[in-house]
Amino acid sequence: MVGEAGIYVTRIVDRKISRGQVYLVTDGGLNHHLAASGNFGQVIRKNYPVTIGNKAGSLERESVSVVGPLCTPLDLLADRMELPPAEIGDLAVVFQSGAYGRSASPEGFLGHPASVEVLV
């Protein structure tokens, strides 16, 4: 019940293109949401539902990967998803994040700040 109710919101801090693939670098990642990165016991990694929150109504789409700020290839929140075009400052939103988003994540990994949790 709680798992589908929660959302994780992180800000895009950089946009990179490598070998034709767009990467949206965010200010939070597996250190805040380990399950979305596929590192919480999943055998096969699959994307959580993701959108660009402040552009969710856009009909335009591009293939992007949403990655966190950590220096590991495991810090991947969304892999090659069709999302609205995003720029630095936009908000990446990961749905179905309520059950084990923050509580099961390695907060403070490499000295990164903790996430803020808000209950509505």
PDB file of N, CA and C in Angstrom:
ATOM      1  N   MET A   1       0.817  -1.190   0.000  1.00  0.00           N
ATOM      2  CA  MET A   1       0.000   0.000   0.000  1.00  0.00           C
ATOM      3  C   MET A   1       0.865   1.260   0.000  1.00  0.00           C
ATOM      4  N   VAL A   2       1.899   1.279   0.821  1.00  0.00           N
ATOM      5  CA  VAL A   2       2.766   2.454   0.909  1.00  0.00           C
ATOM      6  C   VAL A   2       3.686   2.558  -0.298  1.00  0.00           C
ATOM      7  N   GLY A   3       4.118   1.404  -0.837  1.00  0.00           N
ATOM      8  CA  GLY A   3       5.074   1.400  -1.940  1.00  0.00           C
ATOM      9  C   GLY A   3       4.607   2.193  -3.148  1.00  0.00           C
ATOM     10  N   GLU A   4       3.371   2.045  -3.529  1.00  0.00           N
ATOM     11  CA  GLU A   4       2.870   2.752  -4.700  1.00  0.00           C
ATOM     12  C   GLU A   4       2.543   4.208  -4.401  1.00  0.00           C
ATOM     13  N   ALA A   5       2.401   4.554  -3.127  1.00  0.00           N
ATOM     14  CA  ALA A   5       2.002   5.910  -2.776  1.00  0.00           C
ATOM     15  C   ALA A   5       3.165   6.903  -2.794  1.00  0.00           C
ATOM     16  N   GLY A   6       4.371   6.449  -2.537  1.00  0.00           N
ATOM     17  CA  GLY A   6       5.496   7.365  -2.424  1.00  0.00           C
ATOM     18  C   GLY A   6       6.099   7.760  -3.752  1.00  0.00           C
ATOM     19  N   ILE A   7       6.676   8.952  -3.792  1.00  0.00           N
ATOM     20  CA  ILE A   7       7.447   9.397  -4.953  1.00  0.00           C
ATOM     21  C   ILE A   7       8.794   9.924  -4.479  1.00  0.00           C
ATOM     22  N   TYR A   8       9.781   9.791  -5.339  1.00  0.00           N
ATOM     23  CA  TYR A   8      11.109  10.335  -5.070  1.00  0.00           C
ATOM     24  C   TYR A   8      11.370  11.408  -6.115  1.00  0.00           C
ATOM     25  N   VAL A   9      11.728  12.598  -5.660  1.00  0.00           N
ATOM     26  CA  VAL A   9      11.977  13.724  -6.566  1.00  0.00           C
ATOM     27  C   VAL A   9      13.422  14.159  -6.393  1.00  0.00           C
ATOM     28  N   THR A  10      14.123  14.296  -7.503  1.00  0.00           N
ATOM     29  CA  THR A  10      15.517  14.731  -7.479  1.00  0.00           C
ATOM     30  C   THR A  10      15.746  15.729  -8.622  1.00  0.00           C
ATOM     31  N   ARG A  11      16.638  16.673  -8.409  1.00  0.00           N
ATOM     32  CA  ARG A  11      16.880  17.738  -9.386  1.00  0.00           C
ATOM     33  C   ARG A  11      17.986  17.346 -10.358  1.00  0.00           C
ATOM     34  N   ILE A  12      17.794  17.668 -11.621  1.00  0.00           N
ATOM     35  CA  ILE A  12      18.802  17.412 -12.646  1.00  0.00           C
ATOM     36  C   ILE A  12      19.874  18.490 -12.542  1.00  0.00           C
ATOM     37  N   VAL A  13      21.123  18.055 -12.369  1.00  0.00           N
ATOM     38  CA  VAL A  13      22.233  18.992 -12.196  1.00  0.00           C
ATOM     39  C   VAL A  13      23.169  19.025 -13.411  1.00  0.00           C
ATOM     40  N   ASP A  14      23.014  18.065 -14.318  1.00  0.00           N
ATOM     41  CA  ASP A  14      23.841  18.061 -15.528  1.00  0.00           C
ATOM     42  C   ASP A  14      23.165  17.205 -16.596  1.00  0.00           C
ATOM     43  N   ARG A  15      23.484  17.494 -17.834  1.00  0.00           N
ATOM     44  CA  ARG A  15      22.973  16.744 -18.977  1.00  0.00           C
ATOM     45  C   ARG A  15      24.180  16.420 -19.841  1.00  0.00           C
ATOM     46  N   LYS A  16      24.427  15.136 -20.053  1.00  0.00           N
ATOM     47  CA  LYS A  16      25.595  14.712 -20.814  1.00  0.00           C
ATOM     48  C   LYS A  16      25.160  13.795 -21.949  1.00  0.00           C
ATOM     49  N   ILE A  17      25.925  13.812 -23.024  1.00  0.00           N
ATOM     50  CA  ILE A  17      25.698  12.895 -24.130  1.00  0.00           C
ATOM     51  C   ILE A  17      26.986  12.114 -24.331  1.00  0.00           C
ATOM     52  N   SER A  18      26.866  10.788 -24.287  1.00  0.00           N
ATOM     53  CA  SER A  18      28.018   9.920 -24.487  1.00  0.00           C
ATOM     54  C   SER A  18      27.629   8.824 -25.465  1.00  0.00           C
ATOM     55  N   ARG A  19      28.361   8.753 -26.580  1.00  0.00           N
ATOM     56  CA  ARG A  19      28.103   7.755 -27.615  1.00  0.00           C
ATOM     57  C   ARG A  19      26.645   7.769 -28.066  1.00  0.00           C
ATOM     58  N   GLY A  20      26.094   8.963 -28.166  1.00  0.00           N
ATOM     59  CA  GLY A  20      24.733   9.138 -28.657  1.00  0.00           C
ATOM     60  C   GLY A  20      23.645   8.958 -27.620  1.00  0.00           C
ATOM     61  N   GLN A  21      23.994   8.555 -26.405  1.00  0.00           N
ATOM     62  CA  GLN A  21      23.011   8.355 -25.345  1.00  0.00           C
ATOM     63  C   GLN A  21      22.996   9.580 -24.422  1.00  0.00           C
ATOM     64  N   VAL A  22      21.780  10.071 -24.107  1.00  0.00           N
ATOM     65  CA  VAL A  22      21.621  11.211 -23.206  1.00  0.00           C
ATOM     66  C   VAL A  22      21.566  10.700 -21.765  1.00  0.00           C
ATOM     67  N   TYR A  23      22.364  11.341 -20.903  1.00  0.00           N
ATOM     68  CA  TYR A  23      22.360  11.034 -19.471  1.00  0.00           C
ATOM     69  C   TYR A  23      21.957  12.285 -18.710  1.00  0.00           C
ATOM     70  N   LEU A  24      20.960  12.138 -17.858  1.00  0.00           N
ATOM     71  CA  LEU A  24      20.543  13.217 -16.972  1.00  0.00           C
ATOM     72  C   LEU A  24      21.112  12.904 -15.597  1.00  0.00           C
ATOM     73  N   VAL A  25      22.055  13.722 -15.139  1.00  0.00           N
ATOM     74  CA  VAL A  25      22.706  13.521 -13.847  1.00  0.00           C
ATOM     75  C   VAL A  25      21.904  14.279 -12.799  1.00  0.00           C
ATOM     76  N   THR A  26      21.538  13.592 -11.725  1.00  0.00           N
ATOM     77  CA  THR A  26      20.714  14.197 -10.677  1.00  0.00           C
ATOM     78  C   THR A  26      21.507  14.396  -9.384  1.00  0.00           C
ATOM     79  N   ASP A  27      20.917  15.141  -8.463  1.00  0.00           N
ATOM     80  CA  ASP A  27      21.590  15.373  -7.181  1.00  0.00           C
ATOM     81  C   ASP A  27      21.293  14.283  -6.154  1.00  0.00           C
ATOM     82  N   GLY A  28      20.606  13.246  -6.543  1.00  0.00           N
ATOM     83  CA  GLY A  28      20.343  12.103  -5.669  1.00  0.00           C
ATOM     84  C   GLY A  28      20.306  10.841  -6.501  1.00  0.00           C
ATOM     85  N   GLY A  29      20.564   9.717  -5.880  1.00  0.00           N
ATOM     86  CA  GLY A  29      20.593   8.467  -6.637  1.00  0.00           C
ATOM     87  C   GLY A  29      20.410   7.276  -5.727  1.00  0.00           C
ATOM     88  N   LEU A  30      21.254   6.258  -5.900  1.00  0.00           N
ATOM     89  CA  LEU A  30      21.083   5.047  -5.106  1.00  0.00           C
ATOM     90  C   LEU A  30      21.296   5.298  -3.621  1.00  0.00           C
ATOM     91  N   ASN A  31      21.992   6.372  -3.264  1.00  0.00           N
ATOM     92  CA  ASN A  31      22.167   6.701  -1.846  1.00  0.00           C
ATOM     93  C   ASN A  31      20.858   7.151  -1.204  1.00  0.00           C
ATOM     94  N   HIS A  32      19.878   7.535  -2.015  1.00  0.00           N
ATOM     95  CA  HIS A  32      18.550   7.911  -1.514  1.00  0.00           C
ATOM     96  C   HIS A  32      17.499   6.877  -1.883  1.00  0.00           C
ATOM     97  N   HIS A  33      17.704   6.159  -2.966  1.00  0.00           N
ATOM     98  CA  HIS A  33      16.678   5.253  -3.491  1.00  0.00           C
ATOM     99  C   HIS A  33      17.332   4.009  -4.085  1.00  0.00           C
ATOM    100  N   LEU A  34      17.856   3.173  -3.216  1.00  0.00           N
ATOM    101  CA  LEU A  34      18.581   1.974  -3.639  1.00  0.00           C
ATOM    102  C   LEU A  34      17.721   1.055  -4.501  1.00  0.00           C
ATOM    103  N   ALA A  35      16.448   0.902  -4.163  1.00  0.00           N
ATOM    104  CA  ALA A  35      15.581  -0.017  -4.906  1.00  0.00           C
ATOM    105  C   ALA A  35      15.430   0.396  -6.369  1.00  0.00           C
ATOM    106  N   ALA A  36      15.306   1.692  -6.650  1.00  0.00           N
ATOM    107  CA  ALA A  36      15.144   2.154  -8.035  1.00  0.00           C
ATOM    108  C   ALA A  36      16.376   1.857  -8.879  1.00  0.00           C
ATOM    109  N   SER A  37      17.540   1.767  -8.239  1.00  0.00           N
ATOM    110  CA  SER A  37      18.765   1.476  -8.984  1.00  0.00           C
ATOM    111  C   SER A  37      18.889  -0.010  -9.325  1.00  0.00           C
ATOM    112  N   GLY A  38      18.003  -0.831  -8.772  1.00  0.00           N
ATOM    113  CA  GLY A  38      18.056  -2.263  -9.046  1.00  0.00           C
ATOM    114  C   GLY A  38      19.003  -3.020  -8.140  1.00  0.00           C
ATOM    115  N   ASN A  39      19.481  -2.372  -7.087  1.00  0.00           N
ATOM    116  CA  ASN A  39      20.462  -2.987  -6.202  1.00  0.00           C
ATOM    117  C   ASN A  39      19.870  -3.410  -4.861  1.00  0.00           C
ATOM    118  N   PHE A  40      18.597  -3.732  -4.856  1.00  0.00           N
ATOM    119  CA  PHE A  40      17.918  -4.123  -3.618  1.00  0.00           C
ATOM    120  C   PHE A  40      17.392  -5.549  -3.756  1.00  0.00           C
ATOM    121  N   GLY A  41      18.239  -6.427  -4.259  1.00  0.00           N
ATOM    122  CA  GLY A  41      17.897  -7.831  -4.371  1.00  0.00           C
ATOM    123  C   GLY A  41      17.194  -8.232  -5.653  1.00  0.00           C
ATOM    124  N   GLN A  42      17.027  -7.311  -6.598  1.00  0.00           N
ATOM    125  CA  GLN A  42      16.392  -7.675  -7.863  1.00  0.00           C
ATOM    126  C   GLN A  42      17.347  -8.532  -8.687  1.00  0.00           C
ATOM    127  N   VAL A  43      16.828  -9.580  -9.289  1.00  0.00           N
ATOM    128  CA  VAL A  43      17.640 -10.424 -10.150  1.00  0.00           C
ATOM    129  C   VAL A  43      17.796  -9.761 -11.515  1.00  0.00           C
ATOM    130  N   ILE A  44      16.693  -9.233 -12.044  1.00  0.00           N
ATOM    131  CA  ILE A  44      16.717  -8.514 -13.309  1.00  0.00           C
ATOM    132  C   ILE A  44      16.291  -7.078 -13.036  1.00  0.00           C
ATOM    133  N   ARG A  45      17.134  -6.127 -13.408  1.00  0.00           N
ATOM    134  CA  ARG A  45      16.827  -4.719 -13.166  1.00  0.00           C
ATOM    135  C   ARG A  45      15.728  -4.247 -14.109  1.00  0.00           C
ATOM    136  N   LYS A  46      14.723  -3.572 -13.570  1.00  0.00           N
ATOM    137  CA  LYS A  46      13.695  -2.958 -14.405  1.00  0.00           C
ATOM    138  C   LYS A  46      13.429  -1.556 -13.892  1.00  0.00           C
ATOM    139  N   ASN A  47      13.047  -0.681 -14.805  1.00  0.00           N
ATOM    140  CA  ASN A  47      12.806   0.707 -14.445  1.00  0.00           C
ATOM    141  C   ASN A  47      11.531   0.868 -13.626  1.00  0.00           C
ATOM    142  N   TYR A  48      11.613   1.711 -12.624  1.00  0.00           N
ATOM    143  CA  TYR A  48      10.417   2.191 -11.949  1.00  0.00           C
ATOM    144  C   TYR A  48       9.745   3.171 -12.916  1.00  0.00           C
ATOM    145  N   PRO A  49       8.455   3.494 -12.720  1.00  0.00           N
ATOM    146  CA  PRO A  49       7.851   4.555 -13.538  1.00  0.00           C
ATOM    147  C   PRO A  49       8.526   5.887 -13.218  1.00  0.00           C
ATOM    148  N   VAL A  50       8.947   6.610 -14.246  1.00  0.00           N
ATOM    149  CA  VAL A  50       9.680   7.867 -14.080  1.00  0.00           C
ATOM    150  C   VAL A  50       9.127   8.900 -15.049  1.00  0.00           C
ATOM    151  N   THR A  51       9.169  10.170 -14.658  1.00  0.00           N
ATOM    152  CA  THR A  51       8.852  11.265 -15.567  1.00  0.00           C
ATOM    153  C   THR A  51       9.698  12.474 -15.192  1.00  0.00           C
ATOM    154  N   ILE A  52       9.645  13.475 -16.015  1.00  0.00           N
ATOM    155  CA  ILE A  52      10.235  14.776 -15.690  1.00  0.00           C
ATOM    156  C   ILE A  52       9.068  15.596 -15.149  1.00  0.00           C
ATOM    157  N   GLY A  53       9.036  15.789 -13.847  1.00  0.00           N
ATOM    158  CA  GLY A  53       7.872  16.329 -13.153  1.00  0.00           C
ATOM    159  C   GLY A  53       7.351  17.644 -13.671  1.00  0.00           C
ATOM    160  N   ASN A  54       8.226  18.591 -13.921  1.00  0.00           N
ATOM    161  CA  ASN A  54       7.773  19.901 -14.366  1.00  0.00           C
ATOM    162  C   ASN A  54       7.526  19.955 -15.876  1.00  0.00           C
ATOM    163  N   LYS A  55       7.676  18.814 -16.562  1.00  0.00           N
ATOM    164  CA  LYS A  55       7.396  18.752 -17.999  1.00  0.00           C
ATOM    165  C   LYS A  55       6.538  17.534 -18.341  1.00  0.00           C
ATOM    166  N   ALA A  56       5.833  17.006 -17.365  1.00  0.00           N
ATOM    167  CA  ALA A  56       5.067  15.770 -17.543  1.00  0.00           C
ATOM    168  C   ALA A  56       4.006  15.894 -18.623  1.00  0.00           C
ATOM    169  N   GLY A  57       3.494  17.081 -18.881  1.00  0.00           N
ATOM    170  CA  GLY A  57       2.469  17.274 -19.900  1.00  0.00           C
ATOM    171  C   GLY A  57       2.999  17.373 -21.314  1.00  0.00           C
ATOM    172  N   SER A  58       4.306  17.392 -21.477  1.00  0.00           N
ATOM    173  CA  SER A  58       4.909  17.530 -22.804  1.00  0.00           C
ATOM    174  C   SER A  58       4.679  16.278 -23.642  1.00  0.00           C
ATOM    175  N   LEU A  59       4.371  16.472 -24.909  1.00  0.00           N
ATOM    176  CA  LEU A  59       4.197  15.346 -25.823  1.00  0.00           C
ATOM    177  C   LEU A  59       5.512  14.907 -26.441  1.00  0.00           C
ATOM    178  N   GLU A  60       6.523  15.770 -26.380  1.00  0.00           N
ATOM    179  CA  GLU A  60       7.847  15.417 -26.914  1.00  0.00           C
ATOM    180  C   GLU A  60       8.480  14.349 -26.030  1.00  0.00           C
ATOM    181  N   ARG A  61       9.269  13.479 -26.642  1.00  0.00           N
ATOM    182  CA  ARG A  61       9.973  12.435 -25.904  1.00  0.00           C
ATOM    183  C   ARG A  61      11.380  12.269 -26.462  1.00  0.00           C
ATOM    184  N   GLU A  62      12.279  11.823 -25.573  1.00  0.00           N
ATOM    185  CA  GLU A  62      13.628  11.455 -25.987  1.00  0.00           C
ATOM    186  C   GLU A  62      14.077  10.291 -25.109  1.00  0.00           C
ATOM    187  N   SER A  63      14.965   9.484 -25.630  1.00  0.00           N
ATOM    188  CA  SER A  63      15.499   8.353 -24.875  1.00  0.00           C
ATOM    189  C   SER A  63      16.623   8.855 -23.980  1.00  0.00           C
ATOM    190  N   VAL A  64      16.458   8.676 -22.657  1.00  0.00           N
ATOM    191  CA  VAL A  64      17.463   9.140 -21.701  1.00  0.00           C
ATOM    192  C   VAL A  64      17.682   8.098 -20.614  1.00  0.00           C
ATOM    193  N   SER A  65      18.820   8.211 -19.969  1.00  0.00           N
ATOM    194  CA  SER A  65      19.093   7.471 -18.742  1.00  0.00           C
ATOM    195  C   SER A  65      19.243   8.501 -17.637  1.00  0.00           C
ATOM    196  N   VAL A  66      18.602   8.245 -16.513  1.00  0.00           N
ATOM    197  CA  VAL A  66      18.686   9.140 -15.358  1.00  0.00           C
ATOM    198  C   VAL A  66      19.647   8.504 -14.370  1.00  0.00           C
ATOM    199  N   VAL A  67      20.726   9.217 -14.052  1.00  0.00           N
ATOM    200  CA  VAL A  67      21.767   8.687 -13.182  1.00  0.00           C
ATOM    201  C   VAL A  67      21.980   9.605 -11.991  1.00  0.00           C
ATOM    202  N   GLY A  68      22.493   9.024 -10.915  1.00  0.00           N
ATOM    203  CA  GLY A  68      22.784   9.799  -9.721  1.00  0.00           C
ATOM    204  C   GLY A  68      24.192  10.363  -9.738  1.00  0.00           C
ATOM    205  N   PRO A  69      24.591  11.031  -8.645  1.00  0.00           N
ATOM    206  CA  PRO A  69      25.870  11.725  -8.602  1.00  0.00           C
ATOM    207  C   PRO A  69      27.054  10.872  -8.144  1.00  0.00           C
ATOM    208  N   LEU A  70      26.819   9.619  -7.814  1.00  0.00           N
ATOM    209  CA  LEU A  70      27.888   8.799  -7.260  1.00  0.00           C
ATOM    210  C   LEU A  70      28.806   8.264  -8.349  1.00  0.00           C
ATOM    211  N   CYS A  71      30.027   7.978  -7.977  1.00  0.00           N
ATOM    212  CA  CYS A  71      31.033   7.535  -8.947  1.00  0.00           C
ATOM    213  C   CYS A  71      30.992   6.018  -9.117  1.00  0.00           C
ATOM    214  N   THR A  72      29.816   5.508  -9.495  1.00  0.00           N
ATOM    215  CA  THR A  72      29.657   4.085  -9.751  1.00  0.00           C
ATOM    216  C   THR A  72      28.607   3.887 -10.843  1.00  0.00           C
ATOM    217  N   PRO A  73      28.819   2.940 -11.740  1.00  0.00           N
ATOM    218  CA  PRO A  73      27.815   2.687 -12.776  1.00  0.00           C
ATOM    219  C   PRO A  73      26.525   2.093 -12.215  1.00  0.00           C
ATOM    220  N   LEU A  74      26.526   1.698 -10.956  1.00  0.00           N
ATOM    221  CA  LEU A  74      25.315   1.176 -10.317  1.00  0.00           C
ATOM    222  C   LEU A  74      24.312   2.278  -9.986  1.00  0.00           C
ATOM    223  N   ASP A  75      24.760   3.530 -10.029  1.00  0.00           N
ATOM    224  CA  ASP A  75      23.900   4.665  -9.652  1.00  0.00           C
ATOM    225  C   ASP A  75      23.024   5.067 -10.838  1.00  0.00           C
ATOM    226  N   LEU A  76      22.067   4.206 -11.157  1.00  0.00           N
ATOM    227  CA  LEU A  76      21.216   4.350 -12.335  1.00  0.00           C
ATOM    228  C   LEU A  76      19.755   4.281 -11.898  1.00  0.00           C
ATOM    229  N   LEU A  77      19.025   5.377 -12.040  1.00  0.00           N
ATOM    230  CA  LEU A  77      17.623   5.423 -11.624  1.00  0.00           C
ATOM    231  C   LEU A  77      16.659   5.054 -12.747  1.00  0.00           C
ATOM    232  N   ALA A  78      17.019   5.325 -13.988  1.00  0.00           N
ATOM    233  CA  ALA A  78      16.177   4.993 -15.144  1.00  0.00           C
ATOM    234  C   ALA A  78      17.092   4.742 -16.333  1.00  0.00           C
ATOM    235  N   ASP A  79      16.892   3.638 -17.003  1.00  0.00           N
ATOM    236  CA  ASP A  79      17.775   3.263 -18.102  1.00  0.00           C
ATOM    237  C   ASP A  79      17.048   3.315 -19.432  1.00  0.00           C
ATOM    238  N   ARG A  80      17.485   4.231 -20.306  1.00  0.00           N
ATOM    239  CA  ARG A  80      16.980   4.352 -21.679  1.00  0.00           C
ATOM    240  C   ARG A  80      15.445   4.407 -21.735  1.00  0.00           C
ATOM    241  N   MET A  81      14.899   5.344 -20.990  1.00  0.00           N
ATOM    242  CA  MET A  81      13.450   5.545 -20.978  1.00  0.00           C
ATOM    243  C   MET A  81      13.064   6.695 -21.890  1.00  0.00           C
ATOM    244  N   GLU A  82      11.871   6.641 -22.435  1.00  0.00           N
ATOM    245  CA  GLU A  82      11.327   7.724 -23.255  1.00  0.00           C
ATOM    246  C   GLU A  82      10.669   8.735 -22.319  1.00  0.00           C
ATOM    247  N   LEU A  83      11.341   9.870 -22.115  1.00  0.00           N
ATOM    248  CA  LEU A  83      10.876  10.896 -21.184  1.00  0.00           C
ATOM    249  C   LEU A  83      10.795  12.244 -21.895  1.00  0.00           C
ATOM    250  N   PRO A  84      10.047  13.193 -21.320  1.00  0.00           N
ATOM    251  CA  PRO A  84      10.054  14.542 -21.892  1.00  0.00           C
ATOM    252  C   PRO A  84      11.476  15.107 -21.879  1.00  0.00           C
ATOM    253  N   PRO A  85      11.854  15.900 -22.877  1.00  0.00           N
ATOM    254  CA  PRO A  85      13.189  16.505 -22.880  1.00  0.00           C
ATOM    255  C   PRO A  85      13.426  17.299 -21.603  1.00  0.00           C
ATOM    256  N   ALA A  86      14.577  17.104 -20.991  1.00  0.00           N
ATOM    257  CA  ALA A  86      14.872  17.741 -19.702  1.00  0.00           C
ATOM    258  C   ALA A  86      16.172  18.533 -19.778  1.00  0.00           C
ATOM    259  N   GLU A  87      16.234  19.543 -18.937  1.00  0.00           N
ATOM    260  CA  GLU A  87      17.409  20.408 -18.836  1.00  0.00           C
ATOM    261  C   GLU A  87      17.836  20.510 -17.371  1.00  0.00           C
ATOM    262  N   ILE A  88      18.983  21.101 -17.156  1.00  0.00           N
ATOM    263  CA  ILE A  88      19.471  21.347 -15.796  1.00  0.00           C
ATOM    264  C   ILE A  88      18.424  22.162 -15.043  1.00  0.00           C
ATOM    265  N   GLY A  89      18.127  21.731 -13.834  1.00  0.00           N
ATOM    266  CA  GLY A  89      17.137  22.406 -12.990  1.00  0.00           C
ATOM    267  C   GLY A  89      15.777  21.730 -12.997  1.00  0.00           C
ATOM    268  N   ASP A  90      15.497  20.902 -14.005  1.00  0.00           N
ATOM    269  CA  ASP A  90      14.227  20.173 -14.047  1.00  0.00           C
ATOM    270  C   ASP A  90      14.211  19.097 -12.966  1.00  0.00           C
ATOM    271  N   LEU A  91      13.018  18.534 -12.726  1.00  0.00           N
ATOM    272  CA  LEU A  91      12.840  17.554 -11.656  1.00  0.00           C
ATOM    273  C   LEU A  91      12.546  16.170 -12.221  1.00  0.00           C
ATOM    274  N   ALA A  92      13.375  15.196 -11.861  1.00  0.00           N
ATOM    275  CA  ALA A  92      13.117  13.806 -12.216  1.00  0.00           C
ATOM    276  C   ALA A  92      12.300  13.192 -11.089  1.00  0.00           C
ATOM    277  N   VAL A  93      11.186  12.545 -11.443  1.00  0.00           N
ATOM    278  CA  VAL A  93      10.262  11.986 -10.456  1.00  0.00           C
ATOM    279  C   VAL A  93      10.194  10.469 -10.647  1.00  0.00           C
ATOM    280  N   VAL A  94      10.459   9.738  -9.566  1.00  0.00           N
ATOM    281  CA  VAL A  94      10.391   8.277  -9.575  1.00  0.00           C
ATOM    282  C   VAL A  94       9.169   7.875  -8.754  1.00  0.00           C
ATOM    283  N   PHE A  95       8.201   7.246  -9.404  1.00  0.00           N
ATOM    284  CA  PHE A  95       6.980   6.817  -8.722  1.00  0.00           C
ATOM    285  C   PHE A  95       7.176   5.465  -8.042  1.00  0.00           C
ATOM    286  N   GLN A  96       6.220   5.078  -7.222  1.00  0.00           N
ATOM    287  CA  GLN A  96       6.214   3.805  -6.487  1.00  0.00           C
ATOM    288  C   GLN A  96       7.437   3.677  -5.579  1.00  0.00           C
ATOM    289  N   SER A  97       7.791   4.762  -4.908  1.00  0.00           N
ATOM    290  CA  SER A  97       9.013   4.825  -4.111  1.00  0.00           C
ATOM    291  C   SER A  97       8.789   4.744  -2.607  1.00  0.00           C
ATOM    292  N   GLY A  98       7.586   4.491  -2.161  1.00  0.00           N
ATOM    293  CA  GLY A  98       7.278   4.631  -0.749  1.00  0.00           C
ATOM    294  C   GLY A  98       7.765   3.564   0.196  1.00  0.00           C
ATOM    295  N   ALA A  99       7.781   2.316  -0.196  1.00  0.00           N
ATOM    296  CA  ALA A  99       8.041   1.252   0.760  1.00  0.00           C
ATOM    297  C   ALA A  99       9.482   1.236   1.277  1.00  0.00           C
ATOM    298  N   TYR A 100      10.461   1.229   0.402  1.00  0.00           N
ATOM    299  CA  TYR A 100      11.850   1.104   0.836  1.00  0.00           C
ATOM    300  C   TYR A 100      12.762   2.130   0.179  1.00  0.00           C
ATOM    301  N   GLY A 101      12.216   3.217  -0.282  1.00  0.00           N
ATOM    302  CA  GLY A 101      13.028   4.232  -0.934  1.00  0.00           C
ATOM    303  C   GLY A 101      14.172   4.700  -0.074  1.00  0.00           C
ATOM    304  N   ARG A 102      13.870   5.471   0.921  1.00  0.00           N
ATOM    305  CA  ARG A 102      14.907   6.062   1.768  1.00  0.00           C
ATOM    306  C   ARG A 102      15.430   5.102   2.827  1.00  0.00           C
ATOM    307  N   SER A 103      14.541   4.358   3.473  1.00  0.00           N
ATOM    308  CA  SER A 103      14.929   3.570   4.645  1.00  0.00           C
ATOM    309  C   SER A 103      15.930   2.459   4.337  1.00  0.00           C
ATOM    310  N   ALA A 104      15.942   1.942   3.128  1.00  0.00           N
ATOM    311  CA  ALA A 104      16.840   0.846   2.784  1.00  0.00           C
ATOM    312  C   ALA A 104      18.041   1.309   1.971  1.00  0.00           C
ATOM    313  N   SER A 105      18.274   2.608   1.910  1.00  0.00           N
ATOM    314  CA  SER A 105      19.344   3.155   1.072  1.00  0.00           C
ATOM    315  C   SER A 105      20.549   3.557   1.904  1.00  0.00           C
ATOM    316  N   PRO A 106      21.755   3.499   1.316  1.00  0.00           N
ATOM    317  CA  PRO A 106      22.975   3.855   2.053  1.00  0.00           C
ATOM    318  C   PRO A 106      23.183   5.371   2.133  1.00  0.00           C
ATOM    319  N   GLU A 107      22.367   6.036   2.946  1.00  0.00           N
ATOM    320  CA  GLU A 107      22.481   7.502   3.078  1.00  0.00           C
ATOM    321  C   GLU A 107      23.878   7.886   3.537  1.00  0.00           C
ATOM    322  N   GLY A 108      24.329   9.014   3.096  1.00  0.00           N
ATOM    323  CA  GLY A 108      25.655   9.490   3.463  1.00  0.00           C
ATOM    324  C   GLY A 108      26.767   8.855   2.648  1.00  0.00           C
ATOM    325  N   PHE A 109      26.438   8.040   1.649  1.00  0.00           N
ATOM    326  CA  PHE A 109      27.428   7.393   0.797  1.00  0.00           C
ATOM    327  C   PHE A 109      28.340   8.452   0.183  1.00  0.00           C
ATOM    328  N   LEU A 110      29.624   8.329   0.378  1.00  0.00           N
ATOM    329  CA  LEU A 110      30.625   9.269  -0.119  1.00  0.00           C
ATOM    330  C   LEU A 110      30.374  10.704   0.357  1.00  0.00           C
ATOM    331  N   GLY A 111      29.711  10.842   1.504  1.00  0.00           N
ATOM    332  CA  GLY A 111      29.510  12.166   2.094  1.00  0.00           C
ATOM    333  C   GLY A 111      28.407  12.995   1.470  1.00  0.00           C
ATOM    334  N   HIS A 112      27.593  12.402   0.609  1.00  0.00           N
ATOM    335  CA  HIS A 112      26.482  13.143   0.010  1.00  0.00           C
ATOM    336  C   HIS A 112      25.407  13.391   1.058  1.00  0.00           C
ATOM    337  N   PRO A 113      24.694  14.503   0.961  1.00  0.00           N
ATOM    338  CA  PRO A 113      23.684  14.828   1.969  1.00  0.00           C
ATOM    339  C   PRO A 113      22.485  13.879   1.927  1.00  0.00           C
ATOM    340  N   ALA A 114      21.825  13.778   3.070  1.00  0.00           N
ATOM    341  CA  ALA A 114      20.638  12.935   3.198  1.00  0.00           C
ATOM    342  C   ALA A 114      19.471  13.541   2.430  1.00  0.00           C
ATOM    343  N   SER A 115      18.521  12.703   2.066  1.00  0.00           N
ATOM    344  CA  SER A 115      17.320  13.189   1.408  1.00  0.00           C
ATOM    345  C   SER A 115      16.360  13.752   2.456  1.00  0.00           C
ATOM    346  N   VAL A 116      15.412  14.511   2.014  1.00  0.00           N
ATOM    347  CA  VAL A 116      14.363  15.048   2.888  1.00  0.00           C
ATOM    348  C   VAL A 116      13.132  14.196   2.657  1.00  0.00           C
ATOM    349  N   GLU A 117      12.506  13.781   3.745  1.00  0.00           N
ATOM    350  CA  GLU A 117      11.299  12.967   3.621  1.00  0.00           C
ATOM    351  C   GLU A 117      10.111  13.786   4.080  1.00  0.00           C
ATOM    352  N   VAL A 118       9.080  13.818   3.234  1.00  0.00           N
ATOM    353  CA  VAL A 118       7.884  14.613   3.524  1.00  0.00           C
ATOM    354  C   VAL A 118       6.666  13.696   3.473  1.00  0.00           C
ATOM    355  N   LEU A 119       5.852  13.723   4.504  1.00  0.00           N
ATOM    356  CA  LEU A 119       4.616  12.956   4.523  1.00  0.00           C
ATOM    357  C   LEU A 119       3.464  13.912   4.354  1.00  0.00           C
ATOM    358  N   VAL A 120       2.574  13.593   3.410  1.00  0.00           N
ATOM    359  CA  VAL A 120       1.434  14.463   3.145  1.00  0.00           C
ATOM    360  C   VAL A 120       0.154  13.752   3.521  1.00  0.00           C
TER     361      VAL A 120
END
